[in-house]
Amino acid sequence: MKKHRDAAFFLRYLCSFFLLAIVLITLAQVFSRFVLNSPFIWADELSRFLLVWMVFIGVGAVSFDDRHLAVNLFQEMMSPKVKLISDIIMRGIIIIFLIVVAYTSIDIVVAAHNSSTGALSIPFSFWRVAAPVGAVLMIVFTIIRTINDIKDYRTAETEHS
């Protein structure tokens, strides 16, 4: 496969930043709880918030890399053309599912906006919107990956002709 520009590099750095923040917040919480005897009431909530966002942002990068769990035993036996066609069909089904997820999540996000978390007073909609954002990122990066695979197939086909 031809090396393509990493369209998900920003997401990787953002996820790395979130993971680092979670670790630092957790360490600060442990220190404040066991050494200072004065735990931060907001640390657990913020760590969970960052974790939720890290996961749903990370799915975009995983979609770009095409690294989601899959059983591709039969695809390994297929010719490159048949494999590409099956990938396109599979990704089309995935995109349709993700569109449904993103669209149906809108009502949940709107309903969750009226209540907020206890410690940080973050509206629950900020938590819930991570799922449709992740779905949209997956759609975008699945499309980019499919376009790259089609280009790679065409390039390989012209090189062998």
N, C-alpha and C. Protein backbone atom coordinates (compact mmCIF):
# COMPACT_ATOMS: atom_id res chain seq x y z
N MET A 1 0.84 -1.19 0.00
CA MET A 1 0.00 0.00 0.00
C MET A 1 0.88 1.24 0.00
N LYS A 2 0.47 2.20 -0.78
CA LYS A 2 1.20 3.45 -0.86
C LYS A 2 1.06 4.23 0.44
N LYS A 3 2.12 4.93 0.80
CA LYS A 3 2.09 5.76 2.02
C LYS A 3 1.29 7.03 1.73
N HIS A 4 0.25 7.24 2.51
CA HIS A 4 -0.60 8.42 2.37
C HIS A 4 -0.36 9.36 3.54
N ARG A 5 -0.70 10.61 3.33
CA ARG A 5 -0.59 11.59 4.41
C ARG A 5 -1.50 11.15 5.55
N ASP A 6 -0.99 11.25 6.76
CA ASP A 6 -1.76 10.84 7.93
C ASP A 6 -2.80 11.91 8.25
N ALA A 7 -4.01 11.69 7.80
CA ALA A 7 -5.08 12.66 8.00
C ALA A 7 -5.54 12.71 9.45
N ALA A 8 -5.16 11.73 10.23
CA ALA A 8 -5.62 11.65 11.62
C ALA A 8 -4.53 12.06 12.62
N PHE A 9 -3.46 12.69 12.16
CA PHE A 9 -2.36 12.99 13.08
C PHE A 9 -2.80 13.91 14.21
N PHE A 10 -3.66 14.89 13.92
CA PHE A 10 -4.12 15.80 14.97
C PHE A 10 -4.91 15.04 16.04
N LEU A 11 -5.72 14.08 15.61
CA LEU A 11 -6.50 13.29 16.57
C LEU A 11 -5.58 12.47 17.47
N ARG A 12 -4.50 11.95 16.90
CA ARG A 12 -3.55 11.17 17.70
C ARG A 12 -2.93 12.03 18.79
N TYR A 13 -2.52 13.24 18.42
CA TYR A 13 -1.92 14.15 19.41
C TYR A 13 -2.94 14.58 20.46
N LEU A 14 -4.16 14.82 20.04
CA LEU A 14 -5.21 15.20 20.98
C LEU A 14 -5.48 14.07 21.97
N CYS A 15 -5.55 12.84 21.48
CA CYS A 15 -5.75 11.69 22.37
C CYS A 15 -4.57 11.52 23.31
N SER A 16 -3.37 11.73 22.81
CA SER A 16 -2.18 11.65 23.66
C SER A 16 -2.22 12.70 24.76
N PHE A 17 -2.64 13.91 24.39
CA PHE A 17 -2.76 14.98 25.38
C PHE A 17 -3.80 14.63 26.44
N PHE A 18 -4.95 14.09 26.00
CA PHE A 18 -5.99 13.69 26.95
C PHE A 18 -5.49 12.60 27.89
N LEU A 19 -4.76 11.62 27.35
CA LEU A 19 -4.23 10.55 28.19
C LEU A 19 -3.23 11.10 29.21
N LEU A 20 -2.37 11.98 28.77
CA LEU A 20 -1.41 12.60 29.68
C LEU A 20 -2.14 13.39 30.77
N ALA A 21 -3.16 14.13 30.38
CA ALA A 21 -3.94 14.90 31.35
C ALA A 21 -4.62 13.98 32.37
N ILE A 22 -5.17 12.86 31.90
CA ILE A 22 -5.82 11.90 32.80
C ILE A 22 -4.81 11.36 33.82
N VAL A 23 -3.62 11.00 33.34
CA VAL A 23 -2.59 10.47 34.24
C VAL A 23 -2.18 11.53 35.27
N LEU A 24 -1.95 12.75 34.80
CA LEU A 24 -1.53 13.82 35.72
C LEU A 24 -2.62 14.16 36.73
N ILE A 25 -3.86 14.22 36.29
CA ILE A 25 -4.98 14.51 37.19
C ILE A 25 -5.11 13.40 38.23
N THR A 26 -4.97 12.16 37.79
CA THR A 26 -5.08 11.02 38.71
C THR A 26 -3.95 11.04 39.73
N LEU A 27 -2.73 11.32 39.27
CA LEU A 27 -1.60 11.40 40.20
C LEU A 27 -1.80 12.55 41.20
N ALA A 28 -2.29 13.68 40.72
CA ALA A 28 -2.55 14.81 41.62
C ALA A 28 -3.64 14.45 42.63
N GLN A 29 -4.64 13.71 42.17
CA GLN A 29 -5.72 13.29 43.06
C GLN A 29 -5.19 12.35 44.14
N VAL A 30 -4.35 11.39 43.75
CA VAL A 30 -3.78 10.45 44.73
C VAL A 30 -2.93 11.22 45.75
N PHE A 31 -2.10 12.14 45.26
CA PHE A 31 -1.27 12.94 46.15
C PHE A 31 -2.12 13.76 47.11
N SER A 32 -3.13 14.42 46.57
CA SER A 32 -3.96 15.29 47.41
C SER A 32 -4.78 14.49 48.41
N ARG A 33 -5.21 13.30 48.02
CA ARG A 33 -6.02 12.48 48.93
C ARG A 33 -5.19 11.85 50.03
N PHE A 34 -4.06 11.26 49.69
CA PHE A 34 -3.32 10.47 50.67
C PHE A 34 -2.22 11.25 51.38
N VAL A 35 -1.72 12.31 50.76
CA VAL A 35 -0.66 13.09 51.40
C VAL A 35 -1.25 14.32 52.08
N LEU A 36 -2.09 15.04 51.38
CA LEU A 36 -2.66 16.28 51.92
C LEU A 36 -3.96 16.06 52.68
N ASN A 37 -4.53 14.85 52.59
CA ASN A 37 -5.83 14.55 53.21
C ASN A 37 -6.93 15.49 52.76
N SER A 38 -6.84 15.97 51.54
CA SER A 38 -7.83 16.89 51.00
C SER A 38 -8.04 16.58 49.51
N PRO A 39 -8.88 15.59 49.20
CA PRO A 39 -9.03 15.19 47.80
C PRO A 39 -9.73 16.26 46.96
N PHE A 40 -9.37 16.28 45.68
CA PHE A 40 -10.06 17.16 44.73
C PHE A 40 -11.41 16.53 44.39
N ILE A 41 -12.47 17.30 44.52
CA ILE A 41 -13.79 16.74 44.23
C ILE A 41 -14.04 16.65 42.73
N TRP A 42 -13.28 17.36 41.95
CA TRP A 42 -13.50 17.44 40.51
C TRP A 42 -12.62 16.48 39.70
N ALA A 43 -11.61 15.86 40.31
CA ALA A 43 -10.61 15.09 39.57
C ALA A 43 -11.21 13.87 38.87
N ASP A 44 -12.01 13.11 39.57
CA ASP A 44 -12.60 11.90 39.00
C ASP A 44 -13.52 12.26 37.83
N GLU A 45 -14.30 13.28 38.02
CA GLU A 45 -15.24 13.71 36.98
C GLU A 45 -14.51 14.19 35.73
N LEU A 46 -13.48 14.98 35.91
CA LEU A 46 -12.72 15.48 34.76
C LEU A 46 -11.99 14.35 34.05
N SER A 47 -11.45 13.41 34.80
CA SER A 47 -10.77 12.26 34.19
C SER A 47 -11.74 11.43 33.35
N ARG A 48 -12.92 11.20 33.87
CA ARG A 48 -13.92 10.45 33.10
C ARG A 48 -14.34 11.21 31.86
N PHE A 49 -14.52 12.52 31.98
CA PHE A 49 -14.88 13.35 30.84
C PHE A 49 -13.82 13.26 29.75
N LEU A 50 -12.56 13.38 30.13
CA LEU A 50 -11.47 13.29 29.16
C LEU A 50 -11.37 11.90 28.55
N LEU A 51 -11.63 10.87 29.36
CA LEU A 51 -11.59 9.50 28.85
C LEU A 51 -12.67 9.28 27.80
N VAL A 52 -13.87 9.74 28.06
CA VAL A 52 -14.96 9.60 27.10
C VAL A 52 -14.58 10.26 25.78
N TRP A 53 -14.08 11.48 25.86
CA TRP A 53 -13.70 12.20 24.64
C TRP A 53 -12.51 11.55 23.96
N MET A 54 -11.56 11.05 24.73
CA MET A 54 -10.39 10.39 24.14
C MET A 54 -10.83 9.16 23.33
N VAL A 55 -11.75 8.40 23.87
CA VAL A 55 -12.22 7.20 23.18
C VAL A 55 -12.93 7.57 21.88
N PHE A 56 -13.84 8.53 21.93
CA PHE A 56 -14.61 8.84 20.73
C PHE A 56 -13.81 9.63 19.70
N ILE A 57 -12.80 10.33 20.11
CA ILE A 57 -11.91 10.97 19.14
C ILE A 57 -10.95 9.93 18.57
N GLY A 58 -10.54 9.01 19.42
CA GLY A 58 -9.63 7.95 18.97
C GLY A 58 -10.22 7.04 17.92
N VAL A 59 -11.54 6.85 17.92
CA VAL A 59 -12.14 5.99 16.91
C VAL A 59 -11.95 6.54 15.51
N GLY A 60 -11.82 7.86 15.40
CA GLY A 60 -11.54 8.44 14.09
C GLY A 60 -10.19 8.01 13.57
N ALA A 61 -9.18 8.09 14.43
CA ALA A 61 -7.83 7.67 14.04
C ALA A 61 -7.79 6.18 13.72
N VAL A 62 -8.49 5.39 14.51
CA VAL A 62 -8.53 3.95 14.27
C VAL A 62 -9.23 3.65 12.94
N SER A 63 -10.25 4.42 12.61
CA SER A 63 -10.94 4.24 11.33
C SER A 63 -10.03 4.58 10.16
N PHE A 64 -9.25 5.65 10.31
CA PHE A 64 -8.32 6.02 9.25
C PHE A 64 -7.29 4.91 9.04
N ASP A 65 -6.82 4.31 10.13
CA ASP A 65 -5.83 3.24 10.04
C ASP A 65 -6.44 1.91 9.64
N ASP A 66 -7.76 1.82 9.65
CA ASP A 66 -8.49 0.58 9.37
C ASP A 66 -8.03 -0.51 10.34
N ARG A 67 -7.98 -0.17 11.62
CA ARG A 67 -7.48 -1.07 12.65
C ARG A 67 -8.56 -1.56 13.61
N HIS A 68 -9.84 -1.36 13.25
CA HIS A 68 -10.89 -1.90 14.10
C HIS A 68 -10.83 -3.42 14.05
N LEU A 69 -11.30 -4.06 15.09
CA LEU A 69 -11.30 -5.52 15.12
C LEU A 69 -12.10 -6.07 13.95
N ALA A 70 -11.52 -7.03 13.28
CA ALA A 70 -12.19 -7.64 12.14
C ALA A 70 -11.67 -9.06 11.96
N VAL A 71 -12.51 -9.91 11.42
CA VAL A 71 -12.09 -11.24 11.04
C VAL A 71 -12.01 -11.23 9.52
N ASN A 72 -10.80 -11.23 9.01
CA ASN A 72 -10.63 -11.10 7.56
C ASN A 72 -10.05 -12.36 6.93
N LEU A 73 -10.42 -13.49 7.47
CA LEU A 73 -9.94 -14.77 6.97
C LEU A 73 -10.30 -14.94 5.49
N PHE A 74 -11.55 -14.66 5.15
CA PHE A 74 -11.99 -14.84 3.77
C PHE A 74 -11.41 -13.76 2.86
N GLN A 75 -11.24 -12.56 3.38
CA GLN A 75 -10.69 -11.49 2.55
C GLN A 75 -9.25 -11.77 2.14
N GLU A 76 -8.51 -12.46 2.98
CA GLU A 76 -7.13 -12.78 2.64
C GLU A 76 -7.04 -13.72 1.45
N MET A 77 -8.10 -14.48 1.20
CA MET A 77 -8.11 -15.41 0.07
C MET A 77 -8.66 -14.76 -1.20
N MET A 78 -9.14 -13.54 -1.12
CA MET A 78 -9.75 -12.87 -2.27
C MET A 78 -8.71 -12.20 -3.15
N SER A 79 -9.07 -12.02 -4.40
CA SER A 79 -8.21 -11.25 -5.29
C SER A 79 -8.28 -9.78 -4.86
N PRO A 80 -7.31 -8.97 -5.25
CA PRO A 80 -7.33 -7.56 -4.84
C PRO A 80 -8.61 -6.83 -5.26
N LYS A 81 -9.12 -7.13 -6.43
CA LYS A 81 -10.34 -6.45 -6.90
C LYS A 81 -11.55 -6.85 -6.06
N VAL A 82 -11.70 -8.14 -5.79
CA VAL A 82 -12.84 -8.61 -4.99
C VAL A 82 -12.71 -8.10 -3.55
N LYS A 83 -11.48 -8.08 -3.04
CA LYS A 83 -11.25 -7.55 -1.69
C LYS A 83 -11.65 -6.08 -1.61
N LEU A 84 -11.26 -5.29 -2.62
CA LEU A 84 -11.63 -3.88 -2.64
C LEU A 84 -13.14 -3.71 -2.68
N ILE A 85 -13.80 -4.48 -3.51
CA ILE A 85 -15.26 -4.40 -3.61
C ILE A 85 -15.91 -4.77 -2.28
N SER A 86 -15.43 -5.84 -1.64
CA SER A 86 -16.03 -6.23 -0.35
C SER A 86 -15.74 -5.17 0.71
N ASP A 87 -14.55 -4.56 0.68
CA ASP A 87 -14.25 -3.46 1.61
C ASP A 87 -15.19 -2.29 1.41
N ILE A 88 -15.43 -1.93 0.17
CA ILE A 88 -16.32 -0.80 -0.13
C ILE A 88 -17.75 -1.09 0.35
N ILE A 89 -18.22 -2.29 0.11
CA ILE A 89 -19.57 -2.67 0.57
C ILE A 89 -19.64 -2.64 2.09
N MET A 90 -18.63 -3.24 2.74
CA MET A 90 -18.60 -3.28 4.21
C MET A 90 -18.55 -1.86 4.78
N ARG A 91 -17.69 -1.03 4.22
CA ARG A 91 -17.58 0.34 4.72
C ARG A 91 -18.84 1.14 4.44
N GLY A 92 -19.52 0.86 3.33
CA GLY A 92 -20.80 1.52 3.06
C GLY A 92 -21.83 1.20 4.13
N ILE A 93 -21.89 -0.07 4.53
CA ILE A 93 -22.81 -0.47 5.60
C ILE A 93 -22.43 0.21 6.91
N ILE A 94 -21.14 0.26 7.19
CA ILE A 94 -20.66 0.93 8.41
C ILE A 94 -21.05 2.40 8.40
N ILE A 95 -20.87 3.07 7.26
CA ILE A 95 -21.21 4.49 7.16
C ILE A 95 -22.70 4.72 7.37
N ILE A 96 -23.52 3.86 6.79
CA ILE A 96 -24.98 3.99 6.99
C ILE A 96 -25.32 3.85 8.47
N PHE A 97 -24.74 2.85 9.14
CA PHE A 97 -24.96 2.67 10.57
C PHE A 97 -24.53 3.91 11.35
N LEU A 98 -23.36 4.45 11.02
CA LEU A 98 -22.84 5.62 11.75
C LEU A 98 -23.70 6.86 11.52
N ILE A 99 -24.26 6.99 10.33
CA ILE A 99 -25.18 8.11 10.07
C ILE A 99 -26.41 7.99 10.96
N VAL A 100 -26.93 6.79 11.09
CA VAL A 100 -28.09 6.55 11.97
C VAL A 100 -27.72 6.87 13.42
N VAL A 101 -26.55 6.42 13.85
CA VAL A 101 -26.11 6.70 15.23
C VAL A 101 -25.99 8.20 15.46
N ALA A 102 -25.33 8.90 14.55
CA ALA A 102 -25.13 10.34 14.71
C ALA A 102 -26.47 11.08 14.71
N TYR A 103 -27.36 10.70 13.80
CA TYR A 103 -28.65 11.39 13.70
C TYR A 103 -29.52 11.13 14.94
N THR A 104 -29.57 9.89 15.39
CA THR A 104 -30.43 9.58 16.54
C THR A 104 -29.84 10.10 17.85
N SER A 105 -28.56 10.40 17.85
CA SER A 105 -27.92 10.93 19.06
C SER A 105 -28.26 12.39 19.31
N ILE A 106 -28.72 13.07 18.30
CA ILE A 106 -29.02 14.51 18.43
C ILE A 106 -30.06 14.75 19.52
N ASP A 107 -31.13 13.96 19.55
CA ASP A 107 -32.17 14.13 20.57
C ASP A 107 -31.63 13.90 21.98
N ILE A 108 -30.73 12.94 22.12
CA ILE A 108 -30.14 12.65 23.43
C ILE A 108 -29.28 13.81 23.90
N VAL A 109 -28.50 14.38 22.97
CA VAL A 109 -27.64 15.52 23.31
C VAL A 109 -28.49 16.72 23.73
N VAL A 110 -29.54 16.99 22.98
CA VAL A 110 -30.41 18.13 23.30
C VAL A 110 -31.08 17.92 24.66
N ALA A 111 -31.57 16.72 24.92
CA ALA A 111 -32.24 16.44 26.20
C ALA A 111 -31.27 16.53 27.37
N ALA A 112 -30.01 16.17 27.14
CA ALA A 112 -29.03 16.17 28.23
C ALA A 112 -28.49 17.55 28.55
N HIS A 113 -28.80 18.52 27.74
CA HIS A 113 -28.22 19.86 27.94
C HIS A 113 -28.78 20.56 29.19
N ASN A 114 -29.93 20.17 29.65
CA ASN A 114 -30.57 20.86 30.78
C ASN A 114 -30.07 20.42 32.15
N SER A 115 -29.28 19.36 32.19
CA SER A 115 -28.72 18.93 33.47
C SER A 115 -27.19 18.92 33.37
N SER A 116 -26.54 19.06 34.53
CA SER A 116 -25.09 19.14 34.52
C SER A 116 -24.49 18.29 35.62
N THR A 117 -23.18 18.09 35.52
CA THR A 117 -22.47 17.26 36.48
C THR A 117 -22.37 17.97 37.83
N GLY A 118 -22.12 17.20 38.85
CA GLY A 118 -22.09 17.75 40.20
C GLY A 118 -20.89 18.62 40.51
N ALA A 119 -19.70 18.13 40.25
CA ALA A 119 -18.50 18.84 40.68
C ALA A 119 -18.10 19.97 39.74
N LEU A 120 -18.13 19.71 38.45
CA LEU A 120 -17.64 20.69 37.49
C LEU A 120 -18.74 21.51 36.82
N SER A 121 -19.97 21.12 37.04
CA SER A 121 -21.13 21.78 36.41
C SER A 121 -21.02 21.80 34.89
N ILE A 122 -20.49 20.73 34.33
CA ILE A 122 -20.44 20.58 32.87
C ILE A 122 -21.78 20.02 32.42
N PRO A 123 -22.45 20.66 31.47
CA PRO A 123 -23.71 20.10 30.98
C PRO A 123 -23.49 18.68 30.44
N PHE A 124 -24.42 17.79 30.73
CA PHE A 124 -24.29 16.42 30.26
C PHE A 124 -24.28 16.33 28.74
N SER A 125 -24.78 17.36 28.08
CA SER A 125 -24.73 17.35 26.62
C SER A 125 -23.29 17.37 26.12
N PHE A 126 -22.37 17.96 26.87
CA PHE A 126 -20.96 17.98 26.48
C PHE A 126 -20.38 16.57 26.52
N TRP A 127 -20.92 15.73 27.40
CA TRP A 127 -20.50 14.33 27.46
C TRP A 127 -21.14 13.55 26.32
N ARG A 128 -22.44 13.76 26.15
CA ARG A 128 -23.20 12.97 25.18
C ARG A 128 -22.83 13.29 23.74
N VAL A 129 -22.38 14.49 23.47
CA VAL A 129 -22.06 14.87 22.10
C VAL A 129 -20.80 14.16 21.60
N ALA A 130 -20.05 13.54 22.49
CA ALA A 130 -18.85 12.81 22.08
C ALA A 130 -19.20 11.66 21.13
N ALA A 131 -20.32 10.98 21.36
CA ALA A 131 -20.70 9.85 20.51
C ALA A 131 -21.00 10.28 19.07
N PRO A 132 -21.84 11.30 18.85
CA PRO A 132 -22.05 11.71 17.45
C PRO A 132 -20.80 12.31 16.81
N VAL A 133 -19.98 13.01 17.59
CA VAL A 133 -18.72 13.52 17.05
C VAL A 133 -17.84 12.36 16.62
N GLY A 134 -17.74 11.33 17.45
CA GLY A 134 -16.97 10.14 17.09
C GLY A 134 -17.53 9.46 15.85
N ALA A 135 -18.85 9.39 15.75
CA ALA A 135 -19.48 8.78 14.57
C ALA A 135 -19.15 9.58 13.30
N VAL A 136 -19.21 10.89 13.39
CA VAL A 136 -18.88 11.73 12.23
C VAL A 136 -17.41 11.59 11.86
N LEU A 137 -16.54 11.55 12.86
CA LEU A 137 -15.11 11.34 12.58
C LEU A 137 -14.89 9.99 11.90
N MET A 138 -15.58 8.96 12.37
CA MET A 138 -15.45 7.65 11.75
C MET A 138 -15.94 7.68 10.30
N ILE A 139 -17.03 8.39 10.05
CA ILE A 139 -17.54 8.50 8.67
C ILE A 139 -16.50 9.16 7.78
N VAL A 140 -15.99 10.30 8.23
CA VAL A 140 -15.01 11.06 7.43
C VAL A 140 -13.78 10.21 7.16
N PHE A 141 -13.22 9.59 8.19
CA PHE A 141 -11.98 8.84 8.01
C PHE A 141 -12.20 7.51 7.29
N THR A 142 -13.38 6.94 7.39
CA THR A 142 -13.69 5.74 6.61
C THR A 142 -13.76 6.10 5.12
N ILE A 143 -14.35 7.24 4.81
CA ILE A 143 -14.40 7.70 3.42
C ILE A 143 -12.99 7.98 2.89
N ILE A 144 -12.18 8.67 3.68
CA ILE A 144 -10.80 8.96 3.26
C ILE A 144 -10.04 7.66 3.03
N ARG A 145 -10.19 6.72 3.94
CA ARG A 145 -9.50 5.43 3.80
C ARG A 145 -9.96 4.70 2.54
N THR A 146 -11.25 4.74 2.25
CA THR A 146 -11.77 4.08 1.05
C THR A 146 -11.22 4.73 -0.21
N ILE A 147 -11.18 6.05 -0.23
CA ILE A 147 -10.61 6.77 -1.38
C ILE A 147 -9.14 6.38 -1.56
N ASN A 148 -8.39 6.34 -0.48
CA ASN A 148 -6.98 5.93 -0.55
C ASN A 148 -6.83 4.50 -1.08
N ASP A 149 -7.70 3.60 -0.63
CA ASP A 149 -7.63 2.21 -1.09
C ASP A 149 -7.95 2.10 -2.58
N ILE A 150 -8.91 2.89 -3.06
CA ILE A 150 -9.25 2.88 -4.49
C ILE A 150 -8.07 3.43 -5.30
N LYS A 151 -7.46 4.51 -4.83
CA LYS A 151 -6.28 5.05 -5.51
C LYS A 151 -5.15 4.03 -5.54
N ASP A 152 -4.92 3.35 -4.42
CA ASP A 152 -3.87 2.33 -4.36
C ASP A 152 -4.15 1.19 -5.33
N TYR A 153 -5.40 0.78 -5.42
CA TYR A 153 -5.77 -0.30 -6.34
C TYR A 153 -5.52 0.13 -7.78
N ARG A 154 -5.95 1.34 -8.11
CA ARG A 154 -5.75 1.84 -9.47
C ARG A 154 -4.27 1.99 -9.80
N THR A 155 -3.48 2.45 -8.84
CA THR A 155 -2.05 2.59 -9.06
C THR A 155 -1.41 1.22 -9.27
N ALA A 156 -1.78 0.24 -8.46
CA ALA A 156 -1.24 -1.10 -8.59
C ALA A 156 -1.66 -1.73 -9.90
N GLU A 157 -2.89 -1.45 -10.32
CA GLU A 157 -3.41 -2.01 -11.57
C GLU A 157 -2.66 -1.45 -12.77
N THR A 158 -2.36 -0.14 -12.76
CA THR A 158 -1.64 0.46 -13.87
C THR A 158 -0.18 0.06 -13.88
N GLU A 159 0.41 -0.20 -12.70
CA GLU A 159 1.81 -0.64 -12.63
C GLU A 159 1.97 -2.06 -13.17
N HIS A 160 0.96 -2.90 -13.00
CA HIS A 160 1.04 -4.28 -13.45
C HIS A 160 0.62 -4.45 -14.90
N SER A 161 0.08 -3.40 -15.50
CA SER A 161 -0.38 -3.49 -16.90
C SER A 161 0.74 -3.25 -17.86
